[in-house]
Amino acid sequence: MKRRPTIFSAFAVAAALFFCQAQGAFAHFGLILPSDDIISADESKKITVQVKFLHPLEGHYMEMAKPKRFAVMSRGKTTDLLDTLSARKGRSADQEGEFTFWETTYTVKRPGDHLFFVEPAPYWEPAEDKFIVHYTKVCVQALGLEEGWDEPVGLETEIIPLTRPYGLWTGNVFTGRVLLNGKPVPYAEVEVEYLNESPDNPSRVTAPADAYVTQVVKADGNGVFTYAMPRAGWWGFAALSDAPWTLPKDGVEKPVEIGAVLWVHTTDMK
């Protein structure tokens, strides 16, 4: 009889650990969320841009330190925006406490595609015993000039669109190429997830099983992948690689997952 509490306690600890690992198993995504992805001549030229680290479909936020780099590239010119970021707090409805994300405002000054990108500070994920760095991009089209959306911004790993990444209808197919150090990644595995907090999402999506939360597609031998987006709102694509470098944690070198993340927006045809 005296040993039952010990057995139960061990079971409880194991169950709790399994639950924590299962929770951590949902895909992490870096996110750059602009208030508008197509700016017309008759609209305000000022947009709000949020930078987050979260589980998109669940809506669970992770604490995000200030990024190492945040900038926008337009017509070959890169503008540093890091010092414009302000810390904000957010959470999903079922999270306790609040988590830091970052926000800025940006005023478009000339026509052309604007590629916002971020290099975050490494995030330690204890459930996976590794650091995570998601290099994230989004394209905002301004004032009718469609120029630059397929240009690399020079990140360690990134997704180059082969489909124009704006003006997409719900159900359109999106195609991209995964690059690592400027070279295609053959047979890269790409995770795809819907952002439940998309401003134009009419109702929250509830996955019938965990497998529906994160879609997975594999690139071909040239690093090219394709996915058809079935719902209006924001869709994230994340191609993950193991970094050839490590980072220290409590005196021990730990592996680093680097992700090439790209967000695109779809609109219902009415």
Protein backbone atom coordinates (compact mmCIF):
# COMPACT_ATOMS: atom_id res chain seq x y z
CA MET A 1 0.00 0.00 0.00
CA LYS A 2 2.78 2.39 0.83
CA ARG A 3 4.27 2.02 -2.64
CA ARG A 4 1.13 2.96 -4.55
CA PRO A 5 1.60 6.72 -4.10
CA THR A 6 5.12 6.37 -5.49
CA ILE A 7 3.89 4.44 -8.52
CA PHE A 8 1.06 6.89 -9.04
CA SER A 9 3.41 9.86 -8.66
CA ALA A 10 5.80 8.40 -11.22
CA PHE A 11 2.91 7.81 -13.60
CA ALA A 12 1.62 11.34 -13.05
CA VAL A 13 5.04 12.85 -13.73
CA ALA A 14 5.43 10.75 -16.89
CA ALA A 15 1.94 11.71 -18.07
CA ALA A 16 2.61 15.38 -17.40
CA LEU A 17 5.89 15.18 -19.30
CA PHE A 18 4.18 13.47 -22.24
CA PHE A 19 1.47 16.15 -22.25
CA CYS A 20 4.04 18.94 -22.25
CA GLN A 21 5.95 17.30 -25.09
CA ALA A 22 2.73 16.79 -27.05
CA GLN A 23 1.83 20.45 -26.58
CA GLY A 24 5.31 21.47 -27.72
CA ALA A 25 5.04 19.19 -30.76
CA PHE A 26 2.68 21.56 -32.58
CA ALA A 27 4.52 23.55 -35.22
CA HIS A 28 6.16 26.83 -34.29
CA PHE A 29 5.97 29.63 -36.84
CA GLY A 30 7.55 33.03 -37.02
CA LEU A 31 4.96 35.54 -38.21
CA ILE A 32 5.07 38.97 -39.83
CA LEU A 33 1.49 40.23 -40.05
CA PRO A 34 0.81 43.47 -41.95
CA SER A 35 -2.54 45.23 -41.58
CA ASP A 36 -2.78 45.32 -45.40
CA ASP A 37 -0.92 43.30 -48.04
CA ILE A 38 -2.03 45.32 -51.09
CA ILE A 39 -1.92 49.12 -50.77
CA SER A 40 -3.89 50.99 -53.42
CA ALA A 41 -3.48 54.63 -54.42
CA ASP A 42 -6.76 55.61 -52.73
CA GLU A 43 -5.86 53.96 -49.38
CA SER A 44 -3.82 55.13 -46.42
CA LYS A 45 -0.14 54.53 -47.04
CA LYS A 46 0.47 53.74 -43.36
CA ILE A 47 0.25 50.11 -42.20
CA THR A 48 0.75 48.34 -38.91
CA VAL A 49 3.17 45.41 -38.91
CA GLN A 50 3.26 42.82 -36.11
CA VAL A 51 6.08 40.33 -35.51
CA LYS A 52 5.20 37.22 -33.47
CA PHE A 53 6.25 33.67 -32.62
CA LEU A 54 3.29 31.35 -32.19
CA HIS A 55 1.33 28.23 -33.09
CA PRO A 56 -0.85 29.70 -35.86
CA LEU A 57 -3.90 27.43 -35.79
CA GLU A 58 -4.02 27.01 -32.00
CA GLY A 59 -3.24 30.68 -31.54
CA HIS A 60 -0.79 29.95 -28.72
CA TYR A 61 1.84 32.65 -28.33
CA MET A 62 5.47 32.10 -27.33
CA GLU A 63 7.55 34.74 -25.58
CA MET A 64 9.56 36.59 -28.22
CA ALA A 65 12.73 38.49 -27.44
CA LYS A 66 13.57 41.55 -29.51
CA PRO A 67 14.69 40.39 -32.97
CA LYS A 68 18.32 40.59 -34.02
CA ARG A 69 17.27 42.12 -37.34
CA PHE A 70 14.06 43.52 -38.84
CA ALA A 71 14.01 45.29 -42.18
CA VAL A 72 12.16 45.88 -45.45
CA MET A 73 13.55 45.56 -48.97
CA SER A 74 11.94 47.41 -51.88
CA ARG A 75 13.32 47.85 -55.40
CA GLY A 76 16.74 46.65 -54.29
CA LYS A 77 17.04 48.96 -51.28
CA THR A 78 16.97 47.60 -47.73
CA THR A 79 15.81 49.79 -44.83
CA ASP A 80 16.57 48.83 -41.23
CA LEU A 81 13.40 48.96 -39.09
CA LEU A 82 14.67 47.30 -35.91
CA ASP A 83 14.63 50.46 -33.80
CA THR A 84 11.02 51.19 -34.78
CA LEU A 85 9.71 48.05 -33.03
CA SER A 86 7.73 48.38 -29.80
CA ALA A 87 6.94 45.52 -27.43
CA ARG A 88 3.32 44.41 -27.10
CA LYS A 89 1.57 41.65 -25.14
CA GLY A 90 -0.83 39.01 -26.43
CA ARG A 91 -2.20 35.52 -25.78
CA SER A 92 -4.81 33.07 -26.96
CA ALA A 93 -8.09 32.75 -25.07
CA ASP A 94 -6.94 29.56 -23.32
CA GLN A 95 -3.47 30.76 -22.34
CA GLU A 96 -2.59 32.03 -18.89
CA GLY A 97 -0.49 35.15 -18.76
CA GLU A 98 0.61 37.25 -21.69
CA PHE A 99 3.49 36.93 -24.10
CA THR A 100 5.67 39.51 -25.83
CA PHE A 101 5.40 40.25 -29.53
CA TRP A 102 6.58 43.28 -31.52
CA GLU A 103 4.85 45.96 -33.55
CA THR A 104 5.64 48.93 -35.73
CA THR A 105 4.00 51.27 -38.20
CA TYR A 106 5.38 51.77 -41.68
CA THR A 107 4.51 54.37 -44.30
CA VAL A 108 4.92 53.42 -47.94
CA LYS A 109 6.75 56.16 -49.79
CA ARG A 110 7.01 54.72 -53.30
CA PRO A 111 5.44 52.05 -55.51
CA GLY A 112 6.73 48.49 -55.58
CA ASP A 113 6.80 45.26 -53.65
CA HIS A 114 7.96 45.59 -50.05
CA LEU A 115 9.58 42.48 -48.55
CA PHE A 116 9.50 42.66 -44.76
CA PHE A 117 11.82 40.17 -43.09
CA VAL A 118 13.03 39.30 -39.61
CA GLU A 119 15.91 37.40 -38.05
CA PRO A 120 14.70 36.62 -34.52
CA ALA A 121 16.77 35.98 -31.44
CA PRO A 122 17.17 32.21 -30.88
CA TYR A 123 14.25 30.68 -28.97
CA TRP A 124 15.01 27.83 -26.56
CA GLU A 125 12.47 25.00 -26.81
CA PRO A 126 12.98 22.63 -23.86
CA ALA A 127 10.48 20.07 -25.19
CA GLU A 128 12.71 19.57 -28.24
CA ASP A 129 16.06 20.23 -26.50
CA LYS A 130 17.11 22.73 -29.15
CA PHE A 131 17.05 26.35 -30.20
CA ILE A 132 14.73 27.63 -32.94
CA VAL A 133 15.46 30.49 -35.35
CA HIS A 134 12.77 31.22 -37.95
CA TYR A 135 13.79 33.65 -40.69
CA THR A 136 10.42 35.05 -41.70
CA LYS A 137 9.20 37.10 -44.67
CA VAL A 138 6.02 38.67 -46.03
CA CYS A 139 5.43 40.74 -49.18
CA VAL A 140 3.31 43.90 -49.26
CA GLN A 141 2.45 45.23 -52.73
CA ALA A 142 2.20 49.00 -53.04
CA LEU A 143 0.63 51.34 -55.56
CA GLY A 144 0.36 48.94 -58.47
CA LEU A 145 4.03 48.32 -59.25
CA GLU A 146 4.62 44.55 -59.15
CA GLU A 147 8.37 44.40 -58.90
CA GLY A 148 10.63 42.48 -56.51
CA TRP A 149 8.36 39.82 -55.02
CA ASP A 150 10.60 36.98 -56.24
CA GLU A 151 13.89 38.52 -55.11
CA PRO A 152 15.90 36.90 -52.27
CA VAL A 153 16.66 39.16 -49.31
CA GLY A 154 19.84 37.29 -48.35
CA LEU A 155 18.75 35.28 -45.30
CA GLU A 156 20.56 32.08 -44.32
CA THR A 157 17.48 30.17 -45.42
CA GLU A 158 14.41 31.54 -47.19
CA ILE A 159 11.49 30.64 -49.44
CA ILE A 160 11.46 32.28 -52.86
CA PRO A 161 7.93 32.54 -54.31
CA LEU A 162 7.36 31.12 -57.76
CA THR A 163 3.73 32.19 -57.50
CA ARG A 164 3.19 35.92 -56.95
CA PRO A 165 2.58 36.05 -53.16
CA TYR A 166 -0.33 38.50 -53.17
CA GLY A 167 -3.62 38.91 -55.02
CA LEU A 168 -4.41 35.25 -54.32
CA TRP A 169 -7.93 33.83 -54.35
CA THR A 170 -9.00 31.15 -51.90
CA GLY A 171 -8.20 27.82 -53.54
CA ASN A 172 -5.28 29.17 -55.56
CA VAL A 173 -2.15 27.05 -55.70
CA PHE A 174 1.02 28.54 -54.22
CA THR A 175 4.46 27.38 -55.36
CA GLY A 176 7.80 28.29 -53.82
CA ARG A 177 11.45 27.22 -53.77
CA VAL A 178 13.35 26.54 -50.53
CA LEU A 179 16.88 27.98 -50.36
CA LEU A 180 19.64 27.29 -47.85
CA ASN A 181 22.70 29.52 -48.18
CA GLY A 182 21.39 30.59 -51.57
CA LYS A 183 21.04 27.06 -52.98
CA PRO A 184 17.88 24.97 -53.50
CA VAL A 185 17.14 22.32 -50.86
CA PRO A 186 16.19 19.03 -52.58
CA TYR A 187 13.19 17.25 -51.06
CA ALA A 188 12.78 19.82 -48.28
CA GLU A 189 9.88 19.18 -45.93
CA VAL A 190 7.56 22.18 -45.74
CA GLU A 191 5.03 22.69 -42.95
CA VAL A 192 1.88 24.66 -43.79
CA GLU A 193 -0.49 26.20 -41.28
CA TYR A 194 -3.47 28.56 -41.24
CA LEU A 195 -3.50 31.63 -39.00
CA ASN A 196 -6.69 31.41 -37.00
CA GLU A 197 -6.41 35.05 -35.93
CA SER A 198 -6.52 36.21 -39.57
CA PRO A 199 -8.61 39.42 -39.54
CA ASP A 200 -10.91 38.12 -42.30
CA ASN A 201 -11.43 34.66 -40.78
CA PRO A 202 -15.25 34.39 -40.32
CA SER A 203 -15.06 31.69 -37.63
CA ARG A 204 -12.36 29.91 -35.70
CA VAL A 205 -11.11 26.69 -37.32
CA THR A 206 -11.09 23.66 -35.01
CA ALA A 207 -8.99 20.74 -36.21
CA PRO A 208 -10.78 17.36 -35.96
CA ALA A 209 -7.43 15.67 -35.19
CA ASP A 210 -3.84 16.78 -34.58
CA ALA A 211 -2.81 15.76 -38.10
CA TYR A 212 -5.01 18.54 -39.52
CA VAL A 213 -3.26 21.29 -37.55
CA THR A 214 -0.07 21.34 -39.61
CA GLN A 215 -0.13 20.27 -43.25
CA VAL A 216 3.11 18.82 -44.66
CA VAL A 217 4.35 18.81 -48.26
CA LYS A 218 7.70 17.74 -49.68
CA ALA A 219 9.64 19.72 -52.24
CA ASP A 220 10.98 18.09 -55.37
CA GLY A 221 14.64 17.65 -56.26
CA ASN A 222 14.92 21.37 -57.06
CA GLY A 223 13.48 22.48 -53.72
CA VAL A 224 10.13 23.41 -55.30
CA PHE A 225 6.88 22.77 -53.42
CA THR A 226 3.18 23.41 -54.12
CA TYR A 227 0.11 23.79 -51.90
CA ALA A 228 -3.52 24.82 -52.54
CA MET A 229 -4.96 27.07 -49.82
CA PRO A 230 -8.60 26.17 -48.99
CA ARG A 231 -9.63 29.12 -46.80
CA ALA A 232 -9.45 32.91 -46.85
CA GLY A 233 -6.86 34.45 -44.56
CA TRP A 234 -3.15 34.13 -43.87
CA TRP A 235 -1.18 30.96 -44.62
CA GLY A 236 2.33 30.23 -43.38
CA PHE A 237 4.92 28.03 -45.08
CA ALA A 238 7.91 26.86 -43.02
CA ALA A 239 10.83 24.83 -44.39
CA LEU A 240 13.01 23.57 -41.55
CA SER A 241 16.72 22.68 -41.59
CA ASP A 242 19.36 21.78 -39.03
CA ALA A 243 21.87 24.59 -38.67
CA PRO A 244 25.55 23.68 -39.15
CA TRP A 245 26.23 25.62 -35.94
CA THR A 246 25.22 25.20 -32.30
CA LEU A 247 24.45 27.48 -29.36
CA PRO A 248 25.33 27.04 -25.68
CA LYS A 249 22.66 26.27 -23.07
CA ASP A 250 23.77 25.88 -19.45
CA GLY A 251 27.30 25.13 -20.59
CA VAL A 252 26.27 22.53 -23.18
CA GLU A 253 26.23 23.06 -26.95
CA LYS A 254 22.72 22.52 -28.33
CA PRO A 255 21.44 22.04 -31.90
CA VAL A 256 19.64 24.83 -33.73
CA GLU A 257 16.62 24.48 -36.02
CA ILE A 258 16.56 27.16 -38.69
CA GLY A 259 13.35 27.81 -40.57
CA ALA A 260 12.55 29.60 -43.81
CA VAL A 261 9.06 31.03 -43.26
CA LEU A 262 6.88 32.88 -45.76
CA TRP A 263 3.32 34.18 -45.26
CA VAL A 264 0.74 34.76 -47.99
CA HIS A 265 -2.86 35.96 -47.89
CA THR A 266 -5.91 34.61 -49.73
CA THR A 267 -9.30 36.24 -50.36
CA ASP A 268 -12.67 34.66 -51.13
CA MET A 269 -13.99 35.26 -54.64
CA LYS A 270 -17.40 36.95 -54.36
